[in-house]
Amino acid sequence: MFRLAAILFSMTSTTLAGIAVIAVLTMGYDTWMPIVVAAAVGFVLSIPATWWLAKQITAKIV
């Protein structure tokens, strides 16, 4: 399951970080600090999301 999670993490982290950055930019925070914080929050939130997603996929396969 770790290999699947590692592959999924590359897609999940960029997606969630991108969503967070776009949300911050839409709210009007266009300086570097909110953008970096939003990207970091998206990156951190992608860790449990990836683990959950990998567990769901392996539960369906096995």
Protein backbone atom coordinates (compact mmCIF):
# COMPACT_ATOMS: atom_id res chain seq x y z
CA MET A 1 0.00 0.00 0.00
CA PHE A 2 2.95 2.32 0.57
CA ARG A 3 3.91 2.29 -3.11
CA LEU A 4 0.37 3.17 -4.11
CA ALA A 5 0.27 5.96 -1.53
CA ALA A 6 3.58 7.33 -2.79
CA ILE A 7 2.27 7.51 -6.33
CA LEU A 8 -1.02 9.04 -5.25
CA PHE A 9 0.74 11.57 -3.02
CA SER A 10 2.37 13.30 -5.98
CA MET A 11 -1.03 13.92 -7.53
CA THR A 12 -2.95 14.63 -4.33
CA SER A 13 -0.44 17.10 -2.91
CA THR A 14 -0.24 19.20 -6.05
CA THR A 15 -4.01 19.21 -6.40
CA LEU A 16 -4.76 20.23 -2.81
CA ALA A 17 -1.94 22.80 -2.72
CA GLY A 18 -3.19 24.28 -6.00
CA ILE A 19 -6.76 24.46 -4.73
CA ALA A 20 -5.58 26.21 -1.57
CA VAL A 21 -3.47 28.72 -3.51
CA ILE A 22 -6.33 29.49 -5.89
CA ALA A 23 -8.69 29.96 -2.94
CA VAL A 24 -6.27 32.39 -1.28
CA LEU A 25 -5.79 34.33 -4.51
CA THR A 26 -9.55 34.58 -5.06
CA MET A 27 -9.96 36.03 -1.59
CA GLY A 28 -7.60 38.83 -2.57
CA TYR A 29 -4.49 37.84 -0.64
CA ASP A 30 -1.90 38.31 -3.33
CA THR A 31 1.30 38.66 -1.34
CA TRP A 32 3.81 35.86 -1.01
CA MET A 33 3.15 34.92 2.63
CA PRO A 34 -0.52 33.82 2.29
CA ILE A 35 0.32 31.96 -0.92
CA VAL A 36 3.15 30.02 0.72
CA VAL A 37 1.04 29.27 3.80
CA ALA A 38 -1.84 28.04 1.63
CA ALA A 39 0.49 25.81 -0.36
CA ALA A 40 1.96 24.40 2.85
CA VAL A 41 -1.50 23.76 4.32
CA GLY A 42 -2.55 21.98 1.15
CA PHE A 43 0.60 19.90 1.26
CA VAL A 44 0.06 18.90 4.89
CA LEU A 45 -3.62 18.09 4.34
CA SER A 46 -2.71 15.85 1.43
CA ILE A 47 -0.88 13.39 3.69
CA PRO A 48 -3.98 12.02 5.48
CA ALA A 49 -6.05 12.41 2.31
CA THR A 50 -3.57 10.25 0.40
CA TRP A 51 -3.52 7.62 3.13
CA TRP A 52 -7.32 7.48 3.20
CA LEU A 53 -7.50 7.28 -0.58
CA ALA A 54 -4.94 4.46 -0.76
CA LYS A 55 -6.83 2.53 1.92
CA GLN A 56 -10.07 2.92 -0.02
CA ILE A 57 -8.50 1.73 -3.26
CA THR A 58 -6.83 -1.31 -1.70
CA ALA A 59 -10.02 -2.23 0.15
CA LYS A 60 -11.88 -2.36 -3.18
CA ILE A 61 -9.19 -4.48 -4.87
CA VAL A 62 -8.67 -7.09 -2.16
